[in-house]
Every structure is written in C-alpha cells, then in structure tokens.
Amino acid sequence: MKRSILILGGLMLAFNGFSQTRVGGKVGLNYTIITTMVDPEPDEKPENGSGIGFHLGGYVQFGLSEMIGLRPELLFSARGFQESNTSTSTYDVFGVTYTDESKSDNKSSYNYLEIPVLLVLQPNDNIGLHIGPGFGLLMGGKVKSSGSTTTSYTSGGSTTTTTSDFDVEVSGSDVTDGLRKMELAVVIGGDYETDGGLNFGLRYWRGLNTVNEDTEFGDTTVKSFTNLIQFSIGFSFIKG
C-alpha cells in the first residue's frame, strides 16, 4: 500500500513537471541588417542595408521536463531599413557637357508574420535559453524615397544648373515583387523572467535562404540574407 502511494505520488510530481506552461504576450524592437554577397566581387562592395522596426505577438511555453520546454511564438514583425544614395553621371551631347547628380533618402518597411518554434533550456525559474527554427512569411511592404536631381550643363564657357525634387511612395506587390515570400531561419537567444511574470528577451534571427528570389544575373551572383536582432519586453499572464 505504501509502495503504491509512493509510486502514485511520483507519477503526479512527474506529470506536474511536464505540464508546466507559460502563456503571454510581448512587444519590442527589431534591428535588421541585410548582408549582400556578390560573386565576383565588384570594385565597390554593396553597403549592408539596416534599420529599426518593431514586433508584437504572443507565446506559449510547454514544459517537457523540469529543465526543458517547447516554445512556439506568433509575431507580427515590421522590419525597417534606411539608406542614402548619391549617384553622378557625366556625358557629352554635341559639345555640351552634362552632369547629373541624384541624391535620395530611402525608407523601407517590410511586414512579416514570424513563427519561431524554440527549444527552451530552463536552468531555473527565471532564466531561459532558446534555440530552434523560425519561419517568416512576407505579408507586404512600403518604400518611401525622397531627394533631388541636379543637372548641370556647360556650353560656351558658361554653366547652367537646374534642380528638381522628388518624393515617391510605393506599396503593395510593386515592393515585394522579386522577394522571397517565405524565409527559413535559425533563432538563438534567451530571456529573464521575474517571479511576477515580467520578462526581458534578446534574440538573433539569421535567415538561411536568400531574401531575393533570383540570385543569378548573367555572370554575377547576388545573395542577400536577413540578420535580425530583437529585444522584447513581455508578460506571462498564465504561469503554472
């Protein structure tokens, strides 16, 4: 009888250990860097685009044992980019020299539905280490470009200059055309959660497939990959 009670008690403790769950929501900042590799390498290497965005969503963490858990998440993630470009070209037409200089500031935002499925190592109730795959679904985007174009031409020893400003915003399929609609990534990071349920997380998301669908352009190969750093603040409103 005593042995049966001990066995039953042990099974109940094991069940409780495996049934620990955390359910909560989170919000935070994204810092995105797009690394581009070109083969063969050009004389001027392309700059890596970067920018700040945000994410928000929720998570469920299932306890598989006292120290191991499984944590799927569902996040809306806006990845922002900012870059400035300047280009100059000079050409002659019937003895007249023309110089065109274009300066632009570009702001882009791409919206993703991110689904990380993470294995959690829980050395104690407050610290969690996360690793696993992530899936990103491209939902849409917007690009805003503003700047000016200056044209100078020299004829008969005198120079004339004209400047025109532009401000263009593009959204919808024109922005996402040519981009991969599904991204596979590896995710690694961790969080610290207080006894009251407030938590702080930091993670790194590395895209494994290219951002661009086409990578071959004649004899040149262009591959761009996502590097995403996320800092979040969350709260576990169910914890037990």
C-alpha atoms as a PDB file:
ATOM      1  CA  MET A   1       0.000   0.000   0.000  1.00  0.00           C
ATOM      2  CA  LYS A   2       2.765   2.425   0.945  1.00  0.00           C
ATOM      3  CA  ARG A   3       4.643   1.496  -2.230  1.00  0.00           C
ATOM      4  CA  SER A   4       1.547   2.245  -4.330  1.00  0.00           C
ATOM      5  CA  ILE A   5       1.133   5.641  -2.662  1.00  0.00           C
ATOM      6  CA  LEU A   6       4.816   6.466  -3.319  1.00  0.00           C
ATOM      7  CA  ILE A   7       4.528   5.428  -6.972  1.00  0.00           C
ATOM      8  CA  LEU A   8       1.329   7.457  -7.391  1.00  0.00           C
ATOM      9  CA  GLY A   9       2.955  10.460  -5.758  1.00  0.00           C
ATOM     10  CA  GLY A  10       5.969  10.149  -8.033  1.00  0.00           C
ATOM     11  CA  LEU A  11       3.756   9.988 -11.127  1.00  0.00           C
ATOM     12  CA  MET A  12       1.858  13.090 -10.005  1.00  0.00           C
ATOM     13  CA  LEU A  13       5.108  15.004  -9.498  1.00  0.00           C
ATOM     14  CA  ALA A  14       6.336  13.921 -12.922  1.00  0.00           C
ATOM     15  CA  PHE A  15       3.048  14.976 -14.525  1.00  0.00           C
ATOM     16  CA  ASN A  16       3.219  18.362 -12.834  1.00  0.00           C
ATOM     17  CA  GLY A  17       6.792  18.823 -14.067  1.00  0.00           C
ATOM     18  CA  PHE A  18       5.773  18.011 -17.654  1.00  0.00           C
ATOM     19  CA  SER A  19       2.625  20.148 -17.576  1.00  0.00           C
ATOM     20  CA  GLN A  20       4.187  23.472 -16.593  1.00  0.00           C
ATOM     21  CA  THR A  21       3.091  26.132 -19.056  1.00  0.00           C
ATOM     22  CA  ARG A  22       3.598  29.835 -19.688  1.00  0.00           C
ATOM     23  CA  VAL A  23       1.274  31.891 -21.860  1.00  0.00           C
ATOM     24  CA  GLY A  24       1.959  35.545 -22.523  1.00  0.00           C
ATOM     25  CA  GLY A  25       2.432  38.464 -24.867  1.00  0.00           C
ATOM     26  CA  LYS A  26       5.460  40.506 -25.883  1.00  0.00           C
ATOM     27  CA  VAL A  27       6.430  43.679 -27.719  1.00  0.00           C
ATOM     28  CA  GLY A  28       9.811  45.024 -28.716  1.00  0.00           C
ATOM     29  CA  LEU A  29      12.276  46.476 -31.210  1.00  0.00           C
ATOM     30  CA  ASN A  30      13.866  44.993 -34.323  1.00  0.00           C
ATOM     31  CA  TYR A  31      17.279  45.915 -35.666  1.00  0.00           C
ATOM     32  CA  THR A  32      17.655  44.462 -39.143  1.00  0.00           C
ATOM     33  CA  ILE A  33      20.827  44.141 -41.218  1.00  0.00           C
ATOM     34  CA  ILE A  34      20.701  42.789 -44.777  1.00  0.00           C
ATOM     35  CA  THR A  35      24.084  41.375 -45.770  1.00  0.00           C
ATOM     36  CA  THR A  36      24.703  41.128 -49.514  1.00  0.00           C
ATOM     37  CA  MET A  37      27.351  38.954 -51.146  1.00  0.00           C
ATOM     38  CA  VAL A  38      28.323  39.458 -54.798  1.00  0.00           C
ATOM     39  CA  ASP A  39      30.401  36.991 -56.821  1.00  0.00           C
ATOM     40  CA  PRO A  40      32.666  38.036 -58.465  1.00  0.00           C
ATOM     41  CA  GLU A  41      33.271  40.887 -56.042  1.00  0.00           C
ATOM     42  CA  PRO A  42      32.815  44.342 -57.619  1.00  0.00           C
ATOM     43  CA  ASP A  43      35.296  47.194 -57.196  1.00  0.00           C
ATOM     44  CA  GLU A  44      32.799  48.854 -54.838  1.00  0.00           C
ATOM     45  CA  LYS A  45      31.227  46.441 -52.385  1.00  0.00           C
ATOM     46  CA  PRO A  46      27.487  46.986 -51.774  1.00  0.00           C
ATOM     47  CA  GLU A  47      26.590  48.564 -48.454  1.00  0.00           C
ATOM     48  CA  ASN A  48      24.589  46.488 -45.981  1.00  0.00           C
ATOM     49  CA  GLY A  49      21.104  47.964 -45.522  1.00  0.00           C
ATOM     50  CA  SER A  50      19.970  48.350 -41.922  1.00  0.00           C
ATOM     51  CA  GLY A  51      17.215  49.931 -39.866  1.00  0.00           C
ATOM     52  CA  ILE A  52      14.908  49.769 -36.853  1.00  0.00           C
ATOM     53  CA  GLY A  53      11.394  48.319 -36.673  1.00  0.00           C
ATOM     54  CA  PHE A  54       9.167  46.645 -34.117  1.00  0.00           C
ATOM     55  CA  HIS A  55       7.424  43.355 -33.315  1.00  0.00           C
ATOM     56  CA  LEU A  56       4.499  42.232 -31.178  1.00  0.00           C
ATOM     57  CA  GLY A  57       2.719  38.969 -30.534  1.00  0.00           C
ATOM     58  CA  GLY A  58       2.374  36.080 -28.114  1.00  0.00           C
ATOM     59  CA  TYR A  59       3.916  32.818 -26.978  1.00  0.00           C
ATOM     60  CA  VAL A  60       3.076  29.521 -25.315  1.00  0.00           C
ATOM     61  CA  GLN A  61       5.769  27.561 -23.477  1.00  0.00           C
ATOM     62  CA  PHE A  62       5.156  23.911 -22.623  1.00  0.00           C
ATOM     63  CA  GLY A  63       7.285  22.180 -20.022  1.00  0.00           C
ATOM     64  CA  LEU A  64       8.637  18.878 -21.341  1.00  0.00           C
ATOM     65  CA  SER A  65      10.669  18.241 -18.196  1.00  0.00           C
ATOM     66  CA  GLU A  66      11.928  20.226 -15.242  1.00  0.00           C
ATOM     67  CA  MET A  67      14.618  21.929 -17.367  1.00  0.00           C
ATOM     68  CA  ILE A  68      13.418  21.578 -20.977  1.00  0.00           C
ATOM     69  CA  GLY A  69      10.462  23.196 -22.721  1.00  0.00           C
ATOM     70  CA  LEU A  70       8.988  23.888 -26.140  1.00  0.00           C
ATOM     71  CA  ARG A  71       8.048  27.469 -27.038  1.00  0.00           C
ATOM     72  CA  PRO A  72       6.138  28.316 -30.234  1.00  0.00           C
ATOM     73  CA  GLU A  73       5.512  32.016 -30.879  1.00  0.00           C
ATOM     74  CA  LEU A  74       3.430  34.062 -33.318  1.00  0.00           C
ATOM     75  CA  LEU A  75       4.702  37.585 -34.054  1.00  0.00           C
ATOM     76  CA  PHE A  76       3.872  40.460 -36.351  1.00  0.00           C
ATOM     77  CA  SER A  77       7.236  41.947 -37.286  1.00  0.00           C
ATOM     78  CA  ALA A  78       7.941  45.200 -39.137  1.00  0.00           C
ATOM     79  CA  ARG A  79      11.497  45.276 -40.460  1.00  0.00           C
ATOM     80  CA  GLY A  80      12.699  48.776 -41.308  1.00  0.00           C
ATOM     81  CA  PHE A  81      15.588  49.956 -43.475  1.00  0.00           C
ATOM     82  CA  GLN A  82      17.107  53.348 -44.133  1.00  0.00           C
ATOM     83  CA  GLU A  83      19.769  54.249 -46.665  1.00  0.00           C
ATOM     84  CA  SER A  84      21.091  57.297 -48.506  1.00  0.00           C
ATOM     85  CA  ASN A  85      22.320  57.133 -52.096  1.00  0.00           C
ATOM     86  CA  THR A  86      24.241  59.572 -54.253  1.00  0.00           C
ATOM     87  CA  SER A  87      24.983  58.951 -57.919  1.00  0.00           C
ATOM     88  CA  THR A  88      26.717  61.142 -60.510  1.00  0.00           C
ATOM     89  CA  SER A  89      26.956  60.723 -64.266  1.00  0.00           C
ATOM     90  CA  THR A  90      28.624  62.897 -66.933  1.00  0.00           C
ATOM     91  CA  TYR A  91      28.059  62.780 -70.690  1.00  0.00           C
ATOM     92  CA  ASP A  92      28.588  64.948 -73.795  1.00  0.00           C
ATOM     93  CA  VAL A  93      25.979  65.834 -76.403  1.00  0.00           C
ATOM     94  CA  PHE A  94      27.095  67.869 -79.427  1.00  0.00           C
ATOM     95  CA  GLY A  95      29.914  69.508 -77.496  1.00  0.00           C
ATOM     96  CA  VAL A  96      27.795  70.265 -74.427  1.00  0.00           C
ATOM     97  CA  THR A  97      28.861  68.562 -71.177  1.00  0.00           C
ATOM     98  CA  TYR A  98      26.020  67.420 -68.917  1.00  0.00           C
ATOM     99  CA  THR A  99      26.402  66.337 -65.291  1.00  0.00           C
ATOM    100  CA  ASP A 100      23.541  64.663 -63.416  1.00  0.00           C
ATOM    101  CA  GLU A 101      23.733  64.244 -59.639  1.00  0.00           C
ATOM    102  CA  SER A 102      20.974  62.426 -57.781  1.00  0.00           C
ATOM    103  CA  LYS A 103      20.653  62.300 -54.001  1.00  0.00           C
ATOM    104  CA  SER A 104      17.981  60.216 -52.288  1.00  0.00           C
ATOM    105  CA  ASP A 105      16.952  59.115 -48.804  1.00  0.00           C
ATOM    106  CA  ASN A 106      15.111  55.801 -48.862  1.00  0.00           C
ATOM    107  CA  LYS A 107      12.969  54.405 -46.050  1.00  0.00           C
ATOM    108  CA  SER A 108      11.583  50.890 -46.401  1.00  0.00           C
ATOM    109  CA  SER A 109       9.404  48.727 -44.188  1.00  0.00           C
ATOM    110  CA  TYR A 110       8.588  45.060 -44.805  1.00  0.00           C
ATOM    111  CA  ASN A 111       5.947  43.269 -42.735  1.00  0.00           C
ATOM    112  CA  TYR A 112       6.429  39.623 -41.765  1.00  0.00           C
ATOM    113  CA  LEU A 113       4.496  37.031 -39.828  1.00  0.00           C
ATOM    114  CA  GLU A 114       7.210  35.283 -37.802  1.00  0.00           C
ATOM    115  CA  ILE A 115       6.728  31.816 -36.314  1.00  0.00           C
ATOM    116  CA  PRO A 116       9.677  30.690 -34.144  1.00  0.00           C
ATOM    117  CA  VAL A 117       9.472  27.157 -32.713  1.00  0.00           C
ATOM    118  CA  LEU A 118      12.061  27.080 -29.955  1.00  0.00           C
ATOM    119  CA  LEU A 119      13.565  24.505 -27.667  1.00  0.00           C
ATOM    120  CA  VAL A 120      13.987  26.046 -24.207  1.00  0.00           C
ATOM    121  CA  LEU A 121      16.689  25.151 -21.688  1.00  0.00           C
ATOM    122  CA  GLN A 122      15.467  26.329 -18.274  1.00  0.00           C
ATOM    123  CA  PRO A 123      18.271  26.078 -15.669  1.00  0.00           C
ATOM    124  CA  ASN A 124      15.957  27.796 -13.146  1.00  0.00           C
ATOM    125  CA  ASP A 125      12.560  29.500 -12.982  1.00  0.00           C
ATOM    126  CA  ASN A 126      13.943  32.854 -14.141  1.00  0.00           C
ATOM    127  CA  ILE A 127      16.383  32.148 -16.982  1.00  0.00           C
ATOM    128  CA  GLY A 128      15.531  30.552 -20.330  1.00  0.00           C
ATOM    129  CA  LEU A 129      17.890  29.808 -23.241  1.00  0.00           C
ATOM    130  CA  HIS A 130      16.217  29.403 -26.651  1.00  0.00           C
ATOM    131  CA  ILE A 131      17.240  27.790 -29.936  1.00  0.00           C
ATOM    132  CA  GLY A 132      15.282  26.495 -32.893  1.00  0.00           C
ATOM    133  CA  PRO A 133      13.937  27.180 -36.386  1.00  0.00           C
ATOM    134  CA  GLY A 134      11.977  30.232 -37.426  1.00  0.00           C
ATOM    135  CA  PHE A 135       9.589  30.747 -40.323  1.00  0.00           C
ATOM    136  CA  GLY A 136       8.928  34.201 -41.775  1.00  0.00           C
ATOM    137  CA  LEU A 137       6.005  34.905 -44.113  1.00  0.00           C
ATOM    138  CA  LEU A 138       6.268  38.149 -46.114  1.00  0.00           C
ATOM    139  CA  MET A 139       2.947  39.982 -45.859  1.00  0.00           C
ATOM    140  CA  GLY A 140       3.653  43.334 -47.536  1.00  0.00           C
ATOM    141  CA  GLY A 141       5.834  46.387 -47.564  1.00  0.00           C
ATOM    142  CA  LYS A 142       6.243  50.077 -48.282  1.00  0.00           C
ATOM    143  CA  VAL A 143       9.113  52.135 -49.707  1.00  0.00           C
ATOM    144  CA  LYS A 144       9.370  55.921 -49.496  1.00  0.00           C
ATOM    145  CA  SER A 145      12.057  57.741 -51.463  1.00  0.00           C
ATOM    146  CA  SER A 146      12.721  61.480 -51.342  1.00  0.00           C
ATOM    147  CA  GLY A 147      15.550  63.603 -52.690  1.00  0.00           C
ATOM    148  CA  SER A 148      16.651  65.779 -55.573  1.00  0.00           C
ATOM    149  CA  THR A 149      18.221  65.582 -59.005  1.00  0.00           C
ATOM    150  CA  THR A 150      20.590  68.333 -60.137  1.00  0.00           C
ATOM    151  CA  THR A 151      21.510  68.723 -63.814  1.00  0.00           C
ATOM    152  CA  SER A 152      24.373  70.992 -64.881  1.00  0.00           C
ATOM    153  CA  TYR A 153      25.434  71.670 -68.445  1.00  0.00           C
ATOM    154  CA  THR A 154      28.370  73.680 -69.716  1.00  0.00           C
ATOM    155  CA  SER A 155      28.324  75.419 -73.082  1.00  0.00           C
ATOM    156  CA  GLY A 156      30.378  78.311 -74.380  1.00  0.00           C
ATOM    157  CA  GLY A 157      32.225  78.675 -71.082  1.00  0.00           C
ATOM    158  CA  SER A 158      29.060  79.180 -69.016  1.00  0.00           C
ATOM    159  CA  THR A 159      27.350  76.654 -66.722  1.00  0.00           C
ATOM    160  CA  THR A 160      23.606  76.341 -66.141  1.00  0.00           C
ATOM    161  CA  THR A 161      22.179  74.327 -63.235  1.00  0.00           C
ATOM    162  CA  THR A 162      18.638  73.097 -62.643  1.00  0.00           C
ATOM    163  CA  THR A 163      17.358  71.150 -59.630  1.00  0.00           C
ATOM    164  CA  SER A 164      14.176  69.137 -59.252  1.00  0.00           C
ATOM    165  CA  ASP A 165      12.877  67.462 -56.092  1.00  0.00           C
ATOM    166  CA  PHE A 166      11.043  64.162 -55.883  1.00  0.00           C
ATOM    167  CA  ASP A 167       9.020  62.377 -53.204  1.00  0.00           C
ATOM    168  CA  VAL A 168       7.735  58.910 -54.108  1.00  0.00           C
ATOM    169  CA  GLU A 169       5.951  56.247 -52.034  1.00  0.00           C
ATOM    170  CA  VAL A 170       5.364  52.716 -53.326  1.00  0.00           C
ATOM    171  CA  SER A 171       3.469  49.857 -51.624  1.00  0.00           C
ATOM    172  CA  GLY A 172       1.795  46.564 -52.443  1.00  0.00           C
ATOM    173  CA  SER A 173       3.088  43.993 -54.921  1.00  0.00           C
ATOM    174  CA  ASP A 174       5.436  46.534 -56.553  1.00  0.00           C
ATOM    175  CA  VAL A 175       7.516  46.451 -53.362  1.00  0.00           C
ATOM    176  CA  THR A 176       7.524  42.696 -52.703  1.00  0.00           C
ATOM    177  CA  ASP A 177       7.983  41.608 -56.330  1.00  0.00           C
ATOM    178  CA  GLY A 178      11.224  39.643 -56.605  1.00  0.00           C
ATOM    179  CA  LEU A 179      11.440  38.970 -52.857  1.00  0.00           C
ATOM    180  CA  ARG A 180      11.130  35.525 -51.327  1.00  0.00           C
ATOM    181  CA  LYS A 181       7.703  35.129 -49.717  1.00  0.00           C
ATOM    182  CA  MET A 182       8.835  32.573 -47.103  1.00  0.00           C
ATOM    183  CA  GLU A 183      12.000  32.757 -45.045  1.00  0.00           C
ATOM    184  CA  LEU A 184      13.591  29.884 -43.142  1.00  0.00           C
ATOM    185  CA  ALA A 185      15.819  30.953 -40.259  1.00  0.00           C
ATOM    186  CA  VAL A 186      17.737  29.721 -37.247  1.00  0.00           C
ATOM    187  CA  VAL A 187      16.913  31.530 -33.997  1.00  0.00           C
ATOM    188  CA  ILE A 188      19.020  31.728 -30.852  1.00  0.00           C
ATOM    189  CA  GLY A 189      18.565  33.829 -27.718  1.00  0.00           C
ATOM    190  CA  GLY A 190      17.171  33.860 -24.223  1.00  0.00           C
ATOM    191  CA  ASP A 191      15.096  35.703 -21.660  1.00  0.00           C
ATOM    192  CA  TYR A 192      14.943  36.569 -17.996  1.00  0.00           C
ATOM    193  CA  GLU A 193      11.573  36.375 -16.252  1.00  0.00           C
ATOM    194  CA  THR A 194      10.763  37.710 -12.808  1.00  0.00           C
ATOM    195  CA  ASP A 195       8.664  35.749 -10.335  1.00  0.00           C
ATOM    196  CA  GLY A 196       5.780  38.100 -11.135  1.00  0.00           C
ATOM    197  CA  GLY A 197       5.806  37.197 -14.859  1.00  0.00           C
ATOM    198  CA  LEU A 198       7.533  40.251 -16.372  1.00  0.00           C
ATOM    199  CA  ASN A 199      10.267  39.161 -18.770  1.00  0.00           C
ATOM    200  CA  PHE A 200      13.018  40.643 -20.945  1.00  0.00           C
ATOM    201  CA  GLY A 201      14.289  38.845 -24.043  1.00  0.00           C
ATOM    202  CA  LEU A 202      17.106  39.157 -26.562  1.00  0.00           C
ATOM    203  CA  ARG A 203      17.500  37.006 -29.681  1.00  0.00           C
ATOM    204  CA  TYR A 204      19.210  36.713 -33.045  1.00  0.00           C
ATOM    205  CA  TRP A 205      17.362  35.605 -36.184  1.00  0.00           C
ATOM    206  CA  ARG A 206      19.523  34.514 -39.149  1.00  0.00           C
ATOM    207  CA  GLY A 207      17.868  33.868 -42.490  1.00  0.00           C
ATOM    208  CA  LEU A 208      19.086  30.679 -44.155  1.00  0.00           C
ATOM    209  CA  ASN A 209      17.613  31.311 -47.597  1.00  0.00           C
ATOM    210  CA  THR A 210      18.130  34.472 -49.619  1.00  0.00           C
ATOM    211  CA  VAL A 211      15.851  37.497 -49.385  1.00  0.00           C
ATOM    212  CA  ASN A 212      15.859  37.818 -53.181  1.00  0.00           C
ATOM    213  CA  GLU A 213      14.238  35.079 -55.278  1.00  0.00           C
ATOM    214  CA  ASP A 214      16.627  35.465 -58.232  1.00  0.00           C
ATOM    215  CA  THR A 215      20.336  35.255 -57.428  1.00  0.00           C
ATOM    216  CA  GLU A 216      21.845  34.779 -60.888  1.00  0.00           C
ATOM    217  CA  PHE A 217      22.234  37.847 -63.112  1.00  0.00           C
ATOM    218  CA  GLY A 218      24.300  36.808 -66.110  1.00  0.00           C
ATOM    219  CA  ASP A 219      27.794  36.023 -64.836  1.00  0.00           C
ATOM    220  CA  THR A 220      27.115  37.665 -61.464  1.00  0.00           C
ATOM    221  CA  THR A 221      25.651  36.021 -58.355  1.00  0.00           C
ATOM    222  CA  VAL A 222      23.928  38.251 -55.794  1.00  0.00           C
ATOM    223  CA  LYS A 223      22.758  36.788 -52.470  1.00  0.00           C
ATOM    224  CA  SER A 224      21.158  38.802 -49.657  1.00  0.00           C
ATOM    225  CA  PHE A 225      20.422  37.405 -46.181  1.00  0.00           C
ATOM    226  CA  THR A 226      18.486  38.665 -43.162  1.00  0.00           C
ATOM    227  CA  ASN A 227      20.171  39.303 -39.822  1.00  0.00           C
ATOM    228  CA  LEU A 228      17.594  40.326 -37.216  1.00  0.00           C
ATOM    229  CA  ILE A 229      18.281  41.314 -33.607  1.00  0.00           C
ATOM    230  CA  GLN A 230      15.198  41.544 -31.397  1.00  0.00           C
ATOM    231  CA  PHE A 231      14.828  42.991 -27.914  1.00  0.00           C
ATOM    232  CA  SER A 232      11.471  42.414 -26.249  1.00  0.00           C
ATOM    233  CA  ILE A 233       9.514  43.041 -23.079  1.00  0.00           C
ATOM    234  CA  GLY A 234       6.780  40.553 -22.249  1.00  0.00           C
ATOM    235  CA  PHE A 235       4.458  39.300 -19.552  1.00  0.00           C
ATOM    236  CA  SER A 236       3.348  35.751 -18.752  1.00  0.00           C
ATOM    237  CA  PHE A 237      -0.272  36.083 -17.665  1.00  0.00           C
ATOM    238  CA  ILE A 238      -0.590  32.316 -17.255  1.00  0.00           C
ATOM    239  CA  LYS A 239       2.256  30.670 -15.378  1.00  0.00           C
ATOM    240  CA  GLY A 240       1.987  27.346 -13.665  1.00  0.00           C
END
